[in-house]
Protein backbone atom coordinates (compact mmCIF):
# COMPACT_ATOMS: atom_id res chain seq x y z
CA UNK A 1 -9.12 -17.32 16.16
CA UNK A 2 -6.97 -15.15 17.43
CA UNK A 3 -9.69 -13.56 20.09
CA UNK A 4 -10.87 -17.64 20.59
CA UNK A 5 -7.59 -17.50 21.77
CA UNK A 6 -7.28 -15.13 23.99
CA UNK A 7 -10.07 -15.96 25.96
CA UNK A 8 -8.69 -19.84 26.17
CA UNK A 9 -5.70 -18.32 27.67
CA UNK A 10 -8.06 -15.87 30.48
CA UNK A 11 -10.21 -19.03 31.29
CA UNK A 12 -7.10 -21.04 31.79
CA UNK A 13 -5.31 -18.33 33.48
CA UNK A 14 -8.67 -17.84 35.89
CA UNK A 15 -8.79 -21.89 36.62
CA UNK A 16 -5.28 -22.45 37.47
CA UNK A 17 -5.10 -24.82 34.87
CA UNK A 18 -5.49 -26.12 31.65
CA UNK A 19 -8.45 -28.06 29.62
CA UNK A 20 -8.30 -31.55 30.50
CA UNK A 21 -5.31 -30.71 32.85
CA UNK A 22 -5.19 -31.92 36.76
CA UNK A 23 -3.92 -29.71 38.89
CA UNK A 24 -4.40 -29.14 42.83
CA UNK A 25 -4.49 -25.37 42.11
CA UNK A 26 -7.61 -25.79 39.81
CA UNK A 27 -10.60 -23.56 41.36
CA UNK A 28 -13.31 -24.46 39.01
CA UNK A 29 -14.23 -26.31 36.15
CA UNK A 30 -15.14 -25.44 32.60
CA UNK A 31 -19.02 -25.89 31.72
CA UNK A 32 -19.24 -25.83 27.50
CA UNK A 33 -19.23 -22.62 25.71
CA UNK A 34 -22.06 -20.11 24.94
CA UNK A 35 -22.17 -18.15 21.34
CA UNK A 36 -21.75 -14.84 21.38
CA UNK A 37 -21.21 -12.64 17.70
CA UNK A 38 -18.84 -9.67 17.88
CA UNK A 39 -20.45 -7.26 15.63
CA UNK A 40 -17.85 -4.44 13.92
CA UNK A 41 -17.75 -2.24 11.32
CA UNK A 42 -15.63 -4.69 9.00
CA UNK A 43 -17.87 -8.25 9.73
CA UNK A 44 -19.31 -10.32 11.61
CA UNK A 45 -17.40 -12.25 14.43
CA UNK A 46 -18.69 -15.30 16.01
CA UNK A 47 -17.16 -16.54 19.03
CA UNK A 48 -17.61 -19.45 21.66
CA UNK A 49 -17.27 -17.73 24.96
CA UNK A 50 -16.05 -20.33 28.01
CA UNK A 51 -18.68 -21.06 30.66
CA UNK A 52 -17.68 -22.31 34.41
CA UNK A 53 -19.48 -24.52 36.71
CA UNK A 54 -18.85 -21.95 39.22
CA UNK A 55 -18.29 -18.04 39.27
CA UNK A 56 -18.36 -16.68 35.73
CA UNK A 57 -16.33 -15.53 33.01
CA UNK A 58 -16.83 -12.81 30.49
CA UNK A 59 -14.23 -10.96 28.29
CA UNK A 60 -13.14 -7.35 28.67
CA UNK A 61 -12.94 -7.01 24.67
CA UNK A 62 -16.49 -7.55 24.04
CA UNK A 63 -17.56 -5.07 26.78
CA UNK A 64 -14.58 -2.61 24.99
CA UNK A 65 -16.68 -2.78 21.13
CA UNK A 66 -15.18 -0.20 20.64
CA UNK A 67 -11.35 -0.71 21.58
CA UNK A 68 -11.43 -4.21 19.81
CA UNK A 69 -12.86 -2.49 16.56
CA UNK A 70 -10.26 0.16 16.64
CA UNK A 71 -7.55 -2.10 16.91
CA UNK A 72 -8.66 -4.13 14.02
CA UNK A 73 -9.51 -0.43 12.09
CA UNK A 74 -5.16 0.05 12.62
CA UNK A 75 -4.18 -3.51 11.83
CA UNK A 76 -5.89 -2.76 8.40
CA UNK A 77 -4.95 0.60 7.73
CA UNK A 78 -1.11 -0.42 8.61
CA UNK A 79 -1.47 -3.23 6.20
CA UNK A 80 -2.46 -0.93 3.58
CA UNK A 81 0.04 1.91 4.29
CA UNK A 82 2.66 -0.89 4.21
CA UNK A 83 1.66 -1.79 0.05
CA UNK A 84 -0.40 -5.37 1.22
CA UNK A 85 -3.08 -5.77 -1.59
CA UNK A 86 -6.49 -5.32 -1.14
CA UNK A 87 -6.87 -9.51 -1.51
CA UNK A 88 -4.29 -9.72 0.87
CA UNK A 89 -5.94 -7.65 3.35
CA UNK A 90 -9.47 -9.74 3.09
CA UNK A 91 -7.28 -12.75 3.86
CA UNK A 92 -5.52 -11.34 6.76
CA UNK A 93 -9.31 -10.09 7.78
CA UNK A 94 -10.61 -13.75 7.89
CA UNK A 95 -7.55 -14.93 9.70
CA UNK A 96 -8.26 -12.86 12.34
CA UNK A 97 -11.89 -14.43 12.54
CA UNK A 98 -13.78 -12.39 10.42
CA UNK A 99 -15.91 -13.27 7.29
CA UNK A 100 -13.86 -10.60 5.09
CA UNK A 101 -14.25 -7.50 3.66
CA UNK A 102 -14.31 -5.24 0.44
CA UNK A 103 -12.26 -3.17 -1.34
CA UNK A 104 -14.36 -0.11 -0.61
CA UNK A 105 -14.44 -0.61 3.07
CA UNK A 106 -10.58 -1.13 3.09
CA UNK A 107 -10.82 2.35 0.85
CA UNK A 108 -13.02 3.85 3.65
CA UNK A 109 -11.15 3.14 6.72
CA UNK A 110 -7.85 4.27 4.63
CA UNK A 111 -9.42 7.60 3.69
CA UNK A 112 -8.95 9.22 6.98
CA UNK A 113 -5.44 8.62 6.59
CA UNK A 114 -5.42 10.86 3.96
CA UNK A 115 -7.03 13.25 5.37
CA UNK A 116 -4.41 13.67 8.46
CA UNK A 117 -1.83 13.71 5.68
CA UNK A 118 -3.28 16.55 4.52
CA UNK A 119 -3.92 18.48 7.25
CA UNK A 120 -0.41 17.98 8.13
CA UNK A 121 1.23 19.45 4.96
CA UNK A 122 -0.95 22.22 4.85
CA UNK A 123 -0.63 23.26 8.61
CA UNK A 124 0.97 26.79 9.08
CA UNK A 125 4.69 26.87 10.67
CA UNK A 126 5.34 29.43 13.33
CA UNK A 127 8.12 30.74 14.26
CA UNK A 128 11.90 31.21 12.84
CA UNK A 129 13.01 27.59 11.59
CA UNK A 130 16.77 28.97 10.02
CA UNK A 131 18.09 25.20 9.97
CA UNK A 132 16.29 22.85 8.25
CA UNK A 133 18.07 19.17 6.73
CA UNK A 134 16.51 17.40 3.98
CA UNK A 135 17.04 13.57 3.72
CA UNK A 136 15.37 11.20 1.35
CA UNK A 137 14.29 7.12 1.44
CA UNK A 138 13.03 5.15 -1.39
CA UNK A 139 9.33 3.97 -0.20
CA UNK A 140 6.80 1.45 -1.79
CA UNK A 141 3.48 3.32 -2.75
CA UNK A 142 0.40 2.23 -5.18
CA UNK A 143 -0.06 3.64 -8.12
CA UNK A 144 -2.47 3.00 -10.97
CA UNK A 145 -3.18 -0.61 -9.03
CA UNK A 146 0.55 -1.70 -8.73
CA UNK A 147 3.18 -1.00 -6.11
CA UNK A 148 5.91 1.10 -7.06
CA UNK A 149 9.15 2.60 -5.87
CA UNK A 150 9.14 6.22 -5.07
CA UNK A 151 11.09 8.65 -3.25
CA UNK A 152 10.11 10.32 -0.11
CA UNK A 153 12.22 13.71 1.01
CA UNK A 154 11.85 14.87 4.62
CA UNK A 155 12.76 18.26 5.92
CA UNK A 156 13.36 18.34 9.73
CA UNK A 157 14.24 22.03 11.20
CA UNK A 158 15.47 23.21 14.20
CA UNK A 159 14.07 26.88 15.55
CA UNK A 160 15.36 29.25 17.84
CA UNK A 161 13.15 29.24 20.17
CA UNK A 162 14.43 26.56 22.81
CA UNK A 163 11.07 27.77 24.80
CA UNK A 164 9.26 25.82 22.40
CA UNK A 165 7.42 22.69 22.66
CA UNK A 166 8.67 21.36 19.23
CA UNK A 167 12.53 22.49 19.11
CA UNK A 168 13.41 19.97 16.18
CA UNK A 169 10.72 18.29 14.16
CA UNK A 170 9.73 16.71 10.67
CA UNK A 171 8.19 19.57 8.98
CA UNK A 172 7.88 18.60 5.88
CA UNK A 173 7.80 15.25 3.05
CA UNK A 174 7.02 15.39 -0.30
CA UNK A 175 7.32 12.60 -3.00
CA UNK A 176 9.70 12.98 -5.95
CA UNK A 177 8.82 10.91 -8.85
CA UNK A 178 11.94 12.04 -10.70
CA UNK A 179 14.74 14.25 -10.26
CA UNK A 180 12.70 17.37 -9.68
CA UNK A 181 13.38 20.51 -7.81
CA UNK A 182 10.15 22.44 -6.93
CA UNK A 183 9.45 19.37 -3.96
CA UNK A 184 12.57 20.26 -2.33
CA UNK A 185 12.23 24.23 -2.63
CA UNK A 186 8.39 24.11 -1.46
CA UNK A 187 9.67 22.04 1.63
CA UNK A 188 12.56 24.65 2.06
CA UNK A 189 10.46 27.38 1.70
CA UNK A 190 7.82 26.65 3.85
CA UNK A 191 10.28 25.30 6.58
CA UNK A 192 12.72 28.45 6.47
């Protein structure tokens, strides 16, 4: 659906006129379509690539399959992070023109996010970070198949070495379900 519209707009620009449009700037005419399927980890997308009478047209995204697949994965991950249900993610994928996506595929695609967050939380801190600012915001989170609101504590720290490439940065964050002090202490101990 979206990729088809992109191809149609590309061809209109290449020809110099839209479909059935009479224009003195026209360089050539359309000459039907050729079917092309784009296979991704998320499913198969059936496309109709426009043909031209003179010259040729082949969309760049079909050559760079990895790039377009990475964009689709990024959209799915962003929707999942935002709390969109797996059923709604499936609807989103179908609206993009794919055949659909299963719950297990969404989970596999989003597993990478959990690993990156774990690496971030467990990375070593070096140098002196004497100044720590704490702030909190409420975010939606999946818990037991439902979306709940939880507090996210964010620690921003400043170090004493201006030569460091990271003079001020987010050092840690933690989730707090209730009024607890342990997550806050673990953040300040790590950042200080």
